């Protein structure tokens, strides 16, 4: 819900919990007892009792999703969409997100993972293995309701410094903030955003740049996974007022649903600090488990949200599970005495329908729609079975 997010570089004092127009603070919540696609945003007045035994609680809802990886086949589809709308020279990815837009736009903070850089202005587009995608993908992300993206990935350096600059300029143009890339050394440092009056730090790291050197030797252009560096960044974020810390990690082994030893080691090392509230993972292109590590929820991998897999040439071939993804929602609450709680995450399974224009389908919604029949229903059923094997305990009713 993009209109409620703004940048902040100072601490938000929760003790001063009154709003500008009264003594109550509006909060939002996510219902986990209804259907997975029914996200409640009921406004609740904060308890403003002066009793020292009842800390005031405020909260926000959050949604995170899998890899946004626009292959060249998707560009062709987006170009057809644009031509149908009267602009044959543009790219319109918005129809691909239409089915998930109601879910993304309802939460207080929606974070995407943009895995690929935008092609520099005046340079050709490019696909695997060195991506440079149309800037219009950012228009679609904004239209869907995303507030922020993680951008550190193994493709960060694919188009050099110009690709990084162009990506961040494109996100700025549509009003989406990001973590994981930088135009200046200062930009890579932790920043705060305010969500429902809570000061949030969100940071993004990757395990690799696919062997490419840091663009022009400027290692500050992105952030590699290193436990000591991450803990230093968290300390810095806390120093400038962060009350909630969310870390995005591009990690793991492609095709493998089981978290790698590297993922497990890093998760253990950085959560021991007790200063991380949520870890969100990407890269494997298949779904990975959700687990609590040292009291912190770790979403190891969210699969592919939008891509052309599994038809991308690869030896061995990509599995069918690379069409599976998830939107994961939760509620993060903060009391006036500084205690943070994160509700058990709720998984909303998604599936990329390449036959129908790369629509991101909400699996349970479509399976509850009697008009969805034939091969599409069979594919959705197969996708749900695969997702249940990995995340069954977290899929909403």
Protein backbone atom coordinates (compact mmCIF):
# COMPACT_ATOMS: atom_id res chain seq x y z
CA UNK A 1 0.00 0.00 0.00
CA UNK A 2 2.44 2.56 -1.34
CA UNK A 3 0.86 5.76 -0.09
CA UNK A 4 1.61 4.96 3.57
CA UNK A 5 5.38 4.55 3.17
CA UNK A 6 7.94 7.31 3.44
CA UNK A 7 11.68 7.55 3.90
CA UNK A 8 13.02 8.34 7.35
CA UNK A 9 16.52 8.88 8.69
CA UNK A 10 15.62 9.52 12.30
CA UNK A 11 14.21 7.34 15.05
CA UNK A 12 10.46 7.15 15.48
CA UNK A 13 9.65 7.54 19.16
CA UNK A 14 6.95 5.02 19.88
CA UNK A 15 6.48 6.42 23.38
CA UNK A 16 4.86 9.43 21.73
CA UNK A 17 2.07 7.24 20.42
CA UNK A 18 -0.64 9.81 19.75
CA UNK A 19 -1.50 10.73 16.18
CA UNK A 20 -1.56 14.33 14.96
CA UNK A 21 -5.34 14.41 15.17
CA UNK A 22 -6.04 12.50 18.37
CA UNK A 23 -4.83 9.96 20.88
CA UNK A 24 -5.24 6.75 18.89
CA UNK A 25 -2.92 5.14 16.36
CA UNK A 26 -4.44 3.17 13.48
CA UNK A 27 -2.97 -0.25 12.91
CA UNK A 28 -3.63 -3.00 10.40
CA UNK A 29 -3.80 -6.75 10.78
CA UNK A 30 -3.75 -9.82 8.57
CA UNK A 31 -6.37 -12.44 9.17
CA UNK A 32 -4.90 -15.94 9.06
CA UNK A 33 -8.14 -17.74 9.70
CA UNK A 34 -9.92 -16.96 6.45
CA UNK A 35 -9.02 -17.89 2.88
CA UNK A 36 -5.43 -17.21 1.96
CA UNK A 37 -6.39 -14.45 -0.42
CA UNK A 38 -8.56 -12.58 2.07
CA UNK A 39 -6.28 -10.09 3.79
CA UNK A 40 -8.04 -7.97 6.37
CA UNK A 41 -6.94 -4.38 6.87
CA UNK A 42 -9.39 -3.53 9.63
CA UNK A 43 -8.44 -0.38 11.49
CA UNK A 44 -7.95 -0.89 15.23
CA UNK A 45 -7.44 1.87 17.75
CA UNK A 46 -4.30 1.48 19.82
CA UNK A 47 -4.72 0.99 23.56
CA UNK A 48 -3.71 4.35 25.01
CA UNK A 49 -4.22 3.41 28.65
CA UNK A 50 -1.82 5.15 31.00
CA UNK A 51 -1.36 1.96 33.01
CA UNK A 52 2.28 0.98 33.18
CA UNK A 53 1.21 -2.67 32.98
CA UNK A 54 -0.25 -2.39 29.48
CA UNK A 55 2.29 -1.39 26.81
CA UNK A 56 0.81 0.29 23.75
CA UNK A 57 1.04 -1.88 20.62
CA UNK A 58 1.15 -0.73 17.02
CA UNK A 59 1.67 -2.96 13.99
CA UNK A 60 1.85 -3.31 10.24
CA UNK A 61 1.11 -6.01 7.71
CA UNK A 62 3.73 -7.09 5.19
CA UNK A 63 3.77 -9.15 2.00
CA UNK A 64 6.88 -10.55 0.32
CA UNK A 65 7.05 -12.47 -2.96
CA UNK A 66 9.42 -14.53 -5.08
CA UNK A 67 11.86 -13.73 -7.88
CA UNK A 68 10.79 -11.26 -10.56
CA UNK A 69 12.91 -12.48 -13.46
CA UNK A 70 11.68 -11.12 -16.82
CA UNK A 71 13.09 -13.31 -19.59
CA UNK A 72 12.91 -12.20 -23.23
CA UNK A 73 9.73 -14.20 -23.84
CA UNK A 74 8.00 -12.04 -21.23
CA UNK A 75 9.15 -8.88 -22.99
CA UNK A 76 7.49 -10.11 -26.17
CA UNK A 77 4.28 -10.68 -24.24
CA UNK A 78 4.54 -7.26 -22.63
CA UNK A 79 5.11 -5.68 -26.03
CA UNK A 80 1.95 -7.36 -27.36
CA UNK A 81 0.03 -6.04 -24.34
CA UNK A 82 1.29 -2.54 -25.07
CA UNK A 83 0.45 -2.80 -28.77
CA UNK A 84 -3.12 -3.83 -27.92
CA UNK A 85 -3.34 -0.67 -25.80
CA UNK A 86 -2.21 1.44 -28.75
CA UNK A 87 1.53 1.73 -28.08
CA UNK A 88 3.44 -0.76 -30.26
CA UNK A 89 6.81 0.56 -29.07
CA UNK A 90 6.25 0.02 -25.35
CA UNK A 91 6.08 -2.84 -22.86
CA UNK A 92 3.14 -3.45 -20.55
CA UNK A 93 3.75 -6.04 -17.84
CA UNK A 94 0.77 -4.94 -15.76
CA UNK A 95 -1.67 -7.64 -16.96
CA UNK A 96 0.75 -10.28 -15.66
CA UNK A 97 0.29 -8.93 -12.11
CA UNK A 98 -3.45 -8.28 -12.33
CA UNK A 99 -4.52 -11.35 -10.35
CA UNK A 100 -2.16 -10.67 -7.43
CA UNK A 101 -2.66 -6.89 -7.31
CA UNK A 102 -5.53 -7.09 -4.77
CA UNK A 103 -3.28 -9.01 -2.37
CA UNK A 104 -0.19 -6.86 -2.79
CA UNK A 105 -2.03 -3.55 -2.57
CA UNK A 106 -3.88 -4.36 0.67
CA UNK A 107 -0.91 -4.73 3.00
CA UNK A 108 0.96 -1.87 4.65
CA UNK A 109 4.38 -2.84 3.27
CA UNK A 110 4.86 -4.91 0.10
CA UNK A 111 8.41 -5.95 -0.85
CA UNK A 112 9.29 -7.48 -4.21
CA UNK A 113 12.55 -9.07 -5.34
CA UNK A 114 13.73 -7.56 -8.63
CA UNK A 115 16.47 -9.97 -9.61
CA UNK A 116 17.55 -8.30 -12.85
CA UNK A 117 18.95 -4.87 -13.69
CA UNK A 118 17.21 -2.54 -16.13
CA UNK A 119 18.92 -2.09 -19.51
CA UNK A 120 20.76 1.25 -19.67
CA UNK A 121 19.07 3.93 -21.75
CA UNK A 122 20.07 3.64 -25.41
CA UNK A 123 21.48 0.14 -25.01
CA UNK A 124 19.84 -3.11 -26.19
CA UNK A 125 17.81 -5.34 -23.94
CA UNK A 126 19.40 -8.62 -22.90
CA UNK A 127 18.30 -11.89 -21.34
CA UNK A 128 20.06 -14.85 -19.71
CA UNK A 129 22.90 -15.03 -18.82
CA UNK A 130 23.43 -11.24 -18.65
CA UNK A 131 20.11 -9.52 -18.05
CA UNK A 132 19.07 -6.01 -19.01
CA UNK A 133 15.28 -5.78 -19.00
CA UNK A 134 12.72 -3.12 -20.01
CA UNK A 135 12.23 -0.32 -17.49
CA UNK A 136 8.46 -0.80 -17.76
CA UNK A 137 8.73 -3.74 -15.35
CA UNK A 138 9.00 -1.13 -12.59
CA UNK A 139 5.72 0.47 -13.73
CA UNK A 140 4.02 -2.90 -13.32
CA UNK A 141 5.51 -3.43 -9.85
CA UNK A 142 4.29 0.00 -8.76
CA UNK A 143 0.85 -0.59 -10.26
CA UNK A 144 0.59 -3.89 -8.37
CA UNK A 145 1.16 -2.03 -5.11
CA UNK A 146 4.78 -2.71 -4.21
CA UNK A 147 6.41 -0.19 -1.90
CA UNK A 148 9.94 -1.52 -1.97
CA UNK A 149 12.20 -4.09 -3.67
CA UNK A 150 15.28 -6.04 -2.74
CA UNK A 151 17.76 -5.80 -5.62
CA UNK A 152 20.98 -7.56 -4.56
CA UNK A 153 21.33 -10.73 -6.66
CA UNK A 154 23.79 -12.76 -8.69
CA UNK A 155 22.71 -10.63 -11.69
CA UNK A 156 23.37 -7.25 -10.03
CA UNK A 157 26.52 -6.61 -12.06
CA UNK A 158 25.19 -7.97 -15.39
CA UNK A 159 25.06 -4.52 -17.04
CA UNK A 160 27.76 -2.79 -15.01
CA UNK A 161 27.43 0.53 -13.23
CA UNK A 162 25.12 1.88 -15.93
CA UNK A 163 22.71 -0.99 -15.29
CA UNK A 164 22.68 -0.31 -11.57
CA UNK A 165 22.16 3.42 -12.06
CA UNK A 166 19.38 2.84 -14.58
CA UNK A 167 17.62 0.35 -12.30
CA UNK A 168 17.59 2.73 -9.36
CA UNK A 169 16.50 5.65 -11.52
CA UNK A 170 13.62 3.55 -12.85
CA UNK A 171 12.52 2.60 -9.34
CA UNK A 172 12.77 6.23 -8.23
CA UNK A 173 10.60 7.25 -11.18
CA UNK A 174 7.72 5.05 -10.01
CA UNK A 175 8.16 5.73 -6.30
CA UNK A 176 9.51 2.35 -5.18
CA UNK A 177 12.36 2.36 -2.67
CA UNK A 178 14.98 -0.39 -2.63
CA UNK A 179 17.87 -2.05 -0.86
CA UNK A 180 20.74 -3.92 -2.50
CA UNK A 181 22.13 -1.55 -5.16
CA UNK A 182 23.74 1.88 -4.90
CA UNK A 183 24.72 4.88 -7.00
CA UNK A 184 26.93 6.27 -4.24
CA UNK A 185 28.76 4.75 -1.25
CA UNK A 186 26.25 6.43 1.06
CA UNK A 187 23.27 4.86 -0.71
CA UNK A 188 24.30 1.30 0.20
CA UNK A 189 24.25 2.14 3.91
CA UNK A 190 21.17 1.16 5.96
CA UNK A 191 18.20 3.49 5.61
CA UNK A 192 14.92 3.61 7.48
CA UNK A 193 11.34 3.71 6.28
CA UNK A 194 8.31 4.45 8.44
CA UNK A 195 5.37 2.05 8.28
CA UNK A 196 2.37 2.89 10.46
CA UNK A 197 4.71 4.86 12.72
CA UNK A 198 7.23 2.03 13.08
CA UNK A 199 10.81 2.66 11.99
CA UNK A 200 11.88 -0.22 9.73
CA UNK A 201 15.29 -1.11 8.32
CA UNK A 202 15.28 -3.38 5.27
CA UNK A 203 18.59 -4.59 3.82
CA UNK A 204 19.47 -6.84 0.86
CA UNK A 205 22.48 -9.10 0.24
CA UNK A 206 23.62 -11.67 -2.34
CA UNK A 207 25.97 -14.63 -2.26
CA UNK A 208 27.63 -13.84 -5.61
CA UNK A 209 27.77 -11.75 -8.80
CA UNK A 210 28.24 -14.82 -11.02
CA UNK A 211 31.97 -14.27 -11.16
CA UNK A 212 31.69 -10.72 -12.46
CA UNK A 213 33.90 -8.17 -10.72
CA UNK A 214 32.33 -5.30 -8.85
CA UNK A 215 31.39 -2.73 -11.46
CA UNK A 216 34.38 -0.45 -12.15
CA UNK A 217 35.98 -1.80 -8.98
CA UNK A 218 33.30 -0.09 -6.89
CA UNK A 219 32.51 -2.81 -4.37
CA UNK A 220 30.04 -0.53 -2.59
CA UNK A 221 27.65 -0.83 -5.57
CA UNK A 222 25.96 -3.82 -3.90
CA UNK A 223 26.32 -6.03 -0.83
CA UNK A 224 27.68 -9.57 -0.57
CA UNK A 225 26.54 -11.95 2.15
CA UNK A 226 28.96 -11.84 5.06
CA UNK A 227 27.77 -12.38 8.62
CA UNK A 228 30.08 -9.79 10.13
CA UNK A 229 29.11 -7.17 7.56
CA UNK A 230 25.39 -7.87 8.04
CA UNK A 231 25.68 -7.56 11.82
CA UNK A 232 27.59 -4.28 11.43
CA UNK A 233 24.85 -2.96 9.15
CA UNK A 234 22.18 -3.99 11.64
CA UNK A 235 24.06 -2.23 14.43
CA UNK A 236 24.23 0.90 12.28
CA UNK A 237 20.51 0.65 11.54
CA UNK A 238 19.75 0.37 15.24
CA UNK A 239 21.95 3.37 15.93
CA UNK A 240 19.86 5.55 13.60
CA UNK A 241 16.60 4.36 15.13
CA UNK A 242 15.51 1.07 13.54
CA UNK A 243 12.84 -0.67 15.59
CA UNK A 244 12.21 -3.54 13.15
CA UNK A 245 14.89 -5.18 10.97
CA UNK A 246 14.10 -7.18 7.81
CA UNK A 247 16.89 -8.84 5.82
CA UNK A 248 16.55 -10.10 2.23
CA UNK A 249 19.03 -12.80 1.17
CA UNK A 250 19.81 -13.99 -2.36
CA UNK A 251 21.23 -17.41 -1.52
CA UNK A 252 20.90 -21.18 -1.79
CA UNK A 253 21.30 -23.76 -4.54
CA UNK A 254 19.20 -23.50 -7.69
CA UNK A 255 16.53 -26.21 -8.09
CA UNK A 256 16.96 -27.40 -4.48
CA UNK A 257 14.09 -27.03 -2.03
CA UNK A 258 16.26 -28.00 0.93
CA UNK A 259 18.21 -25.07 2.40
CA UNK A 260 21.93 -25.42 1.77
CA UNK A 261 24.47 -25.69 4.56
CA UNK A 262 25.55 -22.14 3.68
CA UNK A 263 22.00 -20.81 4.12
CA UNK A 264 21.61 -22.58 7.44
CA UNK A 265 24.99 -21.41 8.71
CA UNK A 266 24.40 -17.77 7.80
CA UNK A 267 20.86 -17.83 9.22
CA UNK A 268 22.17 -19.22 12.49
CA UNK A 269 25.06 -16.75 12.72
CA UNK A 270 23.06 -13.60 12.13
CA UNK A 271 19.92 -14.50 14.11
CA UNK A 272 21.91 -15.24 17.26
CA UNK A 273 22.20 -11.49 17.67
CA UNK A 274 18.49 -11.28 18.44
CA UNK A 275 18.30 -8.10 16.36
CA UNK A 276 16.74 -9.46 13.15
CA UNK A 277 12.98 -9.79 13.02
CA UNK A 278 12.47 -11.46 9.62
CA UNK A 279 14.67 -13.02 6.92
CA UNK A 280 13.34 -13.33 3.36
CA UNK A 281 15.17 -15.56 0.86
CA UNK A 282 15.41 -15.85 -2.92
CA UNK A 283 17.50 -17.38 -5.74
CA UNK A 284 16.81 -21.14 -5.80
CA UNK A 285 13.92 -20.63 -8.29
CA UNK A 286 11.96 -23.22 -6.31
CA UNK A 287 10.16 -22.88 -3.01
CA UNK A 288 12.09 -23.55 0.18
CA UNK A 289 10.88 -24.07 3.78
CA UNK A 290 9.95 -21.55 6.42
CA UNK A 291 11.56 -22.18 9.80
CA UNK A 292 12.25 -20.42 13.07
CA UNK A 293 15.98 -20.02 13.71
CA UNK A 294 17.01 -18.70 17.12
CA UNK A 295 13.50 -17.31 17.51
CA UNK A 296 13.48 -15.52 14.13
CA UNK A 297 11.27 -16.49 11.20
CA UNK A 298 13.39 -17.42 8.18
CA UNK A 299 11.63 -17.70 4.82
CA UNK A 300 14.41 -19.58 3.03
CA UNK A 301 13.11 -19.23 -0.53
CA UNK A 302 10.00 -17.88 -2.24
CA UNK A 303 10.43 -19.49 -5.66
CA UNK A 304 9.72 -17.69 -8.92
CA UNK A 305 7.05 -15.01 -8.91
CA UNK A 306 7.35 -14.03 -12.58
CA UNK A 307 9.64 -15.78 -15.07
CA UNK A 308 9.61 -17.93 -18.19
CA UNK A 309 10.96 -21.01 -16.44
CA UNK A 310 11.02 -23.96 -16.93
CA UNK A 311 11.41 -23.50 -20.70
CA UNK A 312 14.66 -21.52 -20.50
CA UNK A 313 17.35 -23.76 -22.10
CA UNK A 314 19.36 -25.44 -19.40
CA UNK A 315 21.13 -28.75 -18.94
CA UNK A 316 19.63 -30.41 -17.01
CA UNK A 317 16.20 -28.90 -17.70
CA UNK A 318 14.55 -26.74 -15.07
CA UNK A 319 11.83 -28.60 -13.11
CA UNK A 320 8.13 -27.77 -13.30
CA UNK A 321 8.41 -26.38 -9.76
CA UNK A 322 10.14 -23.29 -11.18
CA UNK A 323 6.66 -22.04 -12.11
CA UNK A 324 5.66 -22.18 -8.43
CA UNK A 325 5.99 -19.23 -6.11
CA UNK A 326 4.40 -17.65 -3.08
CA UNK A 327 3.23 -14.45 -1.55
CA UNK A 328 3.93 -14.64 2.17
CA UNK A 329 2.12 -12.32 4.56
CA UNK A 330 2.54 -11.66 8.25
CA UNK A 331 1.92 -9.01 10.88
CA UNK A 332 4.77 -7.33 12.74
CA UNK A 333 3.89 -5.65 16.03
CA UNK A 334 5.84 -3.29 18.29
CA UNK A 335 5.03 -2.39 21.87
CA UNK A 336 5.90 0.93 23.47
CA UNK A 337 8.55 -0.85 25.54
CA UNK A 338 10.33 -1.96 22.34
CA UNK A 339 9.22 -5.58 22.08
CA UNK A 340 8.77 -6.88 18.51
CA UNK A 341 6.59 -9.85 17.61
CA UNK A 342 6.15 -11.42 14.18
CA UNK A 343 3.08 -13.57 13.56
CA UNK A 344 3.48 -16.97 11.96
CA UNK A 345 3.83 -16.37 8.21
CA UNK A 346 0.93 -17.28 5.94
CA UNK A 347 1.67 -18.69 2.47
CA UNK A 348 -0.46 -17.80 -0.56
CA UNK A 349 0.66 -20.14 -3.39
CA UNK A 350 1.15 -18.66 -6.86
CA UNK A 351 1.81 -20.18 -10.27
CA UNK A 352 3.02 -18.55 -13.50
CA UNK A 353 0.66 -19.38 -16.37
CA UNK A 354 2.91 -19.02 -19.41
CA UNK A 355 0.17 -20.16 -21.80
CA UNK A 356 -2.17 -17.33 -20.77
CA UNK A 357 0.26 -14.45 -21.12
CA UNK A 358 2.44 -15.15 -18.07
CA UNK A 359 -0.33 -14.35 -15.64
CA UNK A 360 0.64 -14.86 -12.01
CA UNK A 361 -2.25 -16.99 -10.81
CA UNK A 362 -3.36 -17.21 -7.17
CA UNK A 363 -3.61 -20.99 -6.96
CA UNK A 364 -6.35 -21.46 -4.37
CA UNK A 365 -8.49 -18.69 -5.86
CA UNK A 366 -8.44 -20.31 -9.27
CA UNK A 367 -9.01 -23.81 -7.92
CA UNK A 368 -12.13 -22.44 -6.19
CA UNK A 369 -13.31 -21.02 -9.52
CA UNK A 370 -15.44 -23.56 -11.40
CA UNK A 371 -14.71 -21.76 -14.66
CA UNK A 372 -11.06 -22.86 -14.48
CA UNK A 373 -11.04 -26.28 -16.12
CA UNK A 374 -8.99 -28.66 -18.24
CA UNK A 375 -5.22 -28.44 -18.42
CA UNK A 376 -5.06 -25.19 -16.44
CA UNK A 377 -6.85 -26.77 -13.47
CA UNK A 378 -4.60 -29.83 -13.68
CA UNK A 379 -1.50 -27.62 -13.68
CA UNK A 380 -2.78 -25.65 -10.69
CA UNK A 381 -3.51 -28.85 -8.78
CA UNK A 382 -0.01 -30.15 -9.51
CA UNK A 383 1.50 -26.84 -8.42
CA UNK A 384 -0.42 -26.91 -5.14
CA UNK A 385 0.73 -30.46 -4.43
CA UNK A 386 4.35 -29.40 -4.94
CA UNK A 387 3.92 -26.33 -2.74
CA UNK A 388 2.30 -28.35 0.04
CA UNK A 389 5.31 -30.67 0.15
CA UNK A 390 7.54 -27.72 1.01
CA UNK A 391 5.26 -25.27 2.83
CA UNK A 392 2.13 -27.23 3.70
CA UNK A 393 2.02 -26.18 7.33
CA UNK A 394 1.95 -22.49 6.41
CA UNK A 395 -0.60 -22.41 3.60
CA UNK A 396 -3.68 -20.48 4.67
CA UNK A 397 -7.15 -22.00 4.59
